Amino acid sequence: MELGPLFLSFEIAAVATVFAALIGVAVAAILANLRFPGRDLIDVVFTAPIVMPPTVLGYYVLVLLGRRSLLGHAFESLTGTSIVFTKVGAVVAAVIGAMPLVVKSVRTALEETDPTLILAARTLGATPLRAFVTIQLPLAYRGIVASLMLAFARSLGDFGVTLMVAGDIPGETQTAALAIYDAIQAHRERDAAFMIAVLTGIVVVLLYIVGKLTARERSP
């Protein structure tokens, strides 16, 4: 039984969740608390991966981060390796899939916090950043934790964008989702069933916890 793709998926999902959290929470905070021209456009950009075909997203990433692009060339000059068809590309693909879940969920959680508490902190001399860190963020922590669990689950099972950006390289970029596809194509149903069972079990547990967290958040 091959466990390498599962371990690789866990590694990529964990790293992708960290990046999605750092970027997503910051973007959600800006969208929830600031009013400025182009705000709705930013929301659209970060929401688009939910509905866009994976091949389209993968194409955009290849154009933006490929070896011939400015960013891709700069990254390769600094690190000696390319982004596409590497583990880095797999992480990028997972982040793209997870980001909309973090931005949407965290934004909702932040907007549902009691504004009078934030206003009270401001009247007592707290800066906007301090009020956000000490008041709004702790009040929204259940929604934030739930969004990160959803992001991890989404990263764990990404297929289309990962295939386009990172390829299906055994031992390097072959995640569990790709390994399942290969196993089915090779009529290795037993290997596929094992990985499917593991991923399904993890996702079910995560969704159950997310349900509990969001239910408590909605309770009076």
Protein backbone atom coordinates (compact mmCIF):
# COMPACT_ATOMS: atom_id res chain seq x y z
CA MET A 1 0.00 0.00 0.00
CA GLU A 2 1.54 3.31 -1.12
CA LEU A 3 1.36 5.98 1.58
CA GLY A 4 3.64 8.56 -0.03
CA PRO A 5 0.85 10.47 -1.85
CA LEU A 6 -1.17 10.72 1.37
CA PHE A 7 1.74 12.11 3.37
CA LEU A 8 2.54 14.52 0.55
CA SER A 9 -1.09 15.69 0.50
CA PHE A 10 -1.02 16.33 4.25
CA GLU A 11 2.22 18.29 3.91
CA ILE A 12 0.99 20.40 1.00
CA ALA A 13 -2.40 21.00 2.65
CA ALA A 14 -0.78 22.13 5.90
CA VAL A 15 1.57 24.58 4.17
CA ALA A 16 -1.21 25.84 1.89
CA THR A 17 -3.51 26.41 4.87
CA VAL A 18 -0.87 28.55 6.57
CA PHE A 19 -0.45 30.72 3.49
CA ALA A 20 -4.20 30.89 2.91
CA ALA A 21 -4.65 31.97 6.53
CA LEU A 22 -2.02 34.71 6.37
CA ILE A 23 -3.31 36.15 3.10
CA GLY A 24 -6.99 35.33 3.51
CA VAL A 25 -7.46 36.78 6.99
CA ALA A 26 -5.72 40.00 5.94
CA VAL A 27 -7.88 40.33 2.81
CA ALA A 28 -11.05 39.48 4.74
CA ALA A 29 -10.21 42.10 7.38
CA ILE A 30 -9.74 44.76 4.70
CA LEU A 31 -12.99 43.85 2.97
CA ALA A 32 -14.94 43.71 6.23
CA ASN A 33 -13.67 46.94 7.77
CA LEU A 34 -12.71 49.35 4.99
CA ARG A 35 -14.70 51.07 2.27
CA PHE A 36 -12.74 52.05 -0.82
CA PRO A 37 -13.07 52.07 -4.62
CA GLY A 38 -12.44 48.63 -6.11
CA ARG A 39 -13.47 46.79 -2.94
CA ASP A 40 -16.09 44.72 -4.77
CA LEU A 41 -13.60 43.89 -7.53
CA ILE A 42 -11.13 42.51 -4.99
CA ASP A 43 -13.91 40.40 -3.53
CA VAL A 44 -14.69 39.04 -7.01
CA VAL A 45 -11.04 38.20 -7.68
CA PHE A 46 -10.70 36.20 -4.47
CA THR A 47 -14.08 34.52 -4.93
CA ALA A 48 -13.65 33.56 -8.60
CA PRO A 49 -11.70 30.31 -7.97
CA ILE A 50 -14.84 28.80 -6.42
CA VAL A 51 -16.70 28.82 -9.72
CA MET A 52 -14.01 28.96 -12.40
CA PRO A 53 -12.99 25.70 -14.15
CA PRO A 54 -9.75 24.29 -12.74
CA THR A 55 -8.17 24.23 -16.20
CA VAL A 56 -8.81 27.96 -16.58
CA LEU A 57 -7.30 28.68 -13.17
CA GLY A 58 -4.37 26.46 -13.98
CA TYR A 59 -3.80 28.29 -17.23
CA TYR A 60 -3.76 31.66 -15.49
CA VAL A 61 -1.25 30.37 -12.93
CA LEU A 62 0.97 28.96 -15.66
CA VAL A 63 0.92 32.31 -17.47
CA LEU A 64 1.56 34.27 -14.27
CA LEU A 65 4.12 31.98 -12.62
CA GLY A 66 5.54 29.91 -15.47
CA ARG A 67 9.25 29.86 -16.25
CA ARG A 68 8.83 32.48 -18.98
CA SER A 69 6.89 34.89 -16.78
CA LEU A 70 8.51 37.72 -14.84
CA LEU A 71 7.55 36.26 -11.46
CA GLY A 72 8.50 32.73 -12.43
CA HIS A 73 11.85 33.81 -13.80
CA ALA A 74 12.59 35.88 -10.68
CA PHE A 75 11.68 32.97 -8.40
CA GLU A 76 13.91 30.59 -10.34
CA SER A 77 16.79 33.07 -10.25
CA LEU A 78 16.51 33.36 -6.47
CA THR A 79 15.88 29.72 -5.58
CA GLY A 80 17.33 27.75 -8.47
CA THR A 81 14.05 25.93 -9.05
CA SER A 82 10.86 26.75 -10.91
CA ILE A 83 7.39 27.08 -9.45
CA VAL A 84 5.54 24.95 -11.99
CA PHE A 85 5.87 21.16 -11.92
CA THR A 86 7.38 21.22 -8.43
CA LYS A 87 6.08 20.89 -4.89
CA VAL A 88 5.94 24.67 -4.73
CA GLY A 89 3.49 24.61 -7.62
CA ALA A 90 1.35 22.08 -5.77
CA VAL A 91 1.25 24.40 -2.75
CA VAL A 92 0.30 27.35 -4.97
CA ALA A 93 -2.51 25.31 -6.52
CA ALA A 94 -3.80 24.31 -3.08
CA VAL A 95 -3.67 27.91 -1.83
CA ILE A 96 -5.70 29.08 -4.82
CA GLY A 97 -8.37 26.50 -4.06
CA ALA A 98 -8.47 27.26 -0.35
CA MET A 99 -8.27 31.04 -0.45
CA PRO A 100 -11.91 31.79 -1.34
CA LEU A 101 -13.15 29.70 1.59
CA VAL A 102 -10.95 31.59 4.02
CA VAL A 103 -11.78 35.04 2.65
CA LYS A 104 -15.53 34.46 2.51
CA SER A 105 -15.85 32.69 5.88
CA VAL A 106 -13.55 35.03 7.80
CA ARG A 107 -15.15 38.12 6.29
CA THR A 108 -18.58 36.89 7.40
CA ALA A 109 -17.29 36.12 10.89
CA LEU A 110 -15.69 39.56 11.22
CA GLU A 111 -18.77 41.37 9.95
CA GLU A 112 -20.95 39.53 12.48
CA THR A 113 -18.96 40.83 15.47
CA ASP A 114 -20.69 43.48 17.58
CA PRO A 115 -19.57 46.87 16.20
CA THR A 116 -20.36 48.62 19.49
CA LEU A 117 -17.53 46.73 21.19
CA ILE A 118 -15.07 47.86 18.54
CA LEU A 119 -16.38 51.43 18.78
CA ALA A 120 -15.99 51.34 22.56
CA ALA A 121 -12.37 50.27 22.19
CA ARG A 122 -11.77 53.09 19.71
CA THR A 123 -13.29 55.69 22.07
CA LEU A 124 -10.94 54.45 24.80
CA GLY A 125 -7.97 55.24 22.60
CA ALA A 126 -7.32 51.97 20.77
CA THR A 127 -6.00 52.30 17.23
CA PRO A 128 -7.95 50.54 14.44
CA LEU A 129 -5.29 47.82 14.30
CA ARG A 130 -5.32 47.28 18.07
CA ALA A 131 -9.12 47.16 18.15
CA PHE A 132 -9.04 44.58 15.37
CA VAL A 133 -6.41 42.40 17.05
CA THR A 134 -7.74 42.60 20.62
CA ILE A 135 -11.51 42.79 20.05
CA GLN A 136 -12.73 41.82 16.59
CA LEU A 137 -10.33 38.96 15.89
CA PRO A 138 -10.95 37.11 19.20
CA LEU A 139 -14.71 37.50 18.81
CA ALA A 140 -14.54 35.94 15.35
CA TYR A 141 -12.15 33.13 16.25
CA ARG A 142 -14.71 30.33 15.80
CA GLY A 143 -15.42 31.38 12.25
CA ILE A 144 -11.71 31.75 11.56
CA VAL A 145 -10.89 28.28 12.89
CA ALA A 146 -13.77 26.82 10.89
CA SER A 147 -12.53 28.53 7.72
CA LEU A 148 -9.03 27.11 8.19
CA MET A 149 -10.44 23.62 8.61
CA LEU A 150 -12.38 24.06 5.38
CA ALA A 151 -9.22 25.35 3.71
CA PHE A 152 -7.24 22.30 4.84
CA ALA A 153 -9.95 19.94 3.59
CA ARG A 154 -10.09 21.76 0.26
CA SER A 155 -6.30 21.72 -0.11
CA LEU A 156 -6.18 18.05 0.73
CA GLY A 157 -8.31 17.08 -2.24
CA ASP A 158 -7.32 19.53 -4.97
CA PHE A 159 -7.02 17.86 -8.36
CA GLY A 160 -7.50 20.04 -11.43
CA VAL A 161 -5.30 23.04 -10.65
CA THR A 162 -2.62 20.81 -9.11
CA LEU A 163 -2.50 18.68 -12.25
CA MET A 164 -2.19 21.76 -14.47
CA VAL A 165 0.40 23.60 -12.37
CA ALA A 166 2.40 20.89 -10.62
CA GLY A 167 1.85 17.85 -12.81
CA ASP A 168 1.56 14.25 -11.69
CA ILE A 169 5.14 13.37 -10.73
CA PRO A 170 5.43 10.36 -8.37
CA GLY A 171 7.30 11.24 -5.21
CA GLU A 172 7.35 14.94 -6.07
CA THR A 173 3.90 16.33 -6.90
CA GLN A 174 1.65 13.25 -6.97
CA THR A 175 -0.86 14.00 -4.25
CA ALA A 176 -3.48 11.55 -3.02
CA ALA A 177 -6.13 12.90 -5.41
CA LEU A 178 -3.82 12.35 -8.38
CA ALA A 179 -2.71 8.95 -7.08
CA ILE A 180 -6.35 7.87 -6.80
CA TYR A 181 -6.94 8.80 -10.43
CA ASP A 182 -3.82 6.92 -11.53
CA ALA A 183 -4.75 3.87 -9.45
CA ILE A 184 -8.21 3.70 -10.97
CA GLN A 185 -6.78 4.07 -14.46
CA ALA A 186 -4.36 1.21 -13.72
CA HIS A 187 -7.17 -0.95 -12.25
CA ARG A 188 -5.63 -0.85 -8.78
CA GLU A 189 -8.97 -0.41 -7.10
CA ARG A 190 -7.71 -1.56 -3.71
CA ASP A 191 -5.08 1.19 -3.53
CA ALA A 192 -7.63 3.76 -4.69
CA ALA A 193 -10.24 2.60 -2.17
CA PHE A 194 -7.77 2.90 0.71
CA MET A 195 -6.83 6.49 -0.11
CA ILE A 196 -10.47 7.39 -0.77
CA ALA A 197 -11.44 6.01 2.64
CA VAL A 198 -8.71 8.00 4.41
CA LEU A 199 -9.56 11.27 2.68
CA THR A 200 -13.29 10.76 3.19
CA GLY A 201 -12.81 10.08 6.89
CA ILE A 202 -10.70 13.21 7.38
CA VAL A 203 -13.11 15.42 5.47
CA VAL A 204 -16.13 14.09 7.37
CA VAL A 205 -14.45 14.76 10.73
CA LEU A 206 -13.41 18.26 9.69
CA LEU A 207 -16.88 19.12 8.41
CA TYR A 208 -18.44 17.82 11.63
CA ILE A 209 -16.17 20.09 13.69
CA VAL A 210 -16.87 23.02 11.38
CA GLY A 211 -20.59 22.44 11.86
CA LYS A 212 -20.20 22.51 15.63
CA LEU A 213 -18.11 25.66 15.55
CA THR A 214 -20.46 27.60 13.30
CA ALA A 215 -23.54 26.37 15.18
CA ARG A 216 -22.11 27.71 18.45
CA GLU A 217 -21.28 30.96 16.76
CA ARG A 218 -24.88 31.39 15.67
CA SER A 219 -26.33 30.47 19.06
CA PRO A 220 -27.55 33.29 21.33
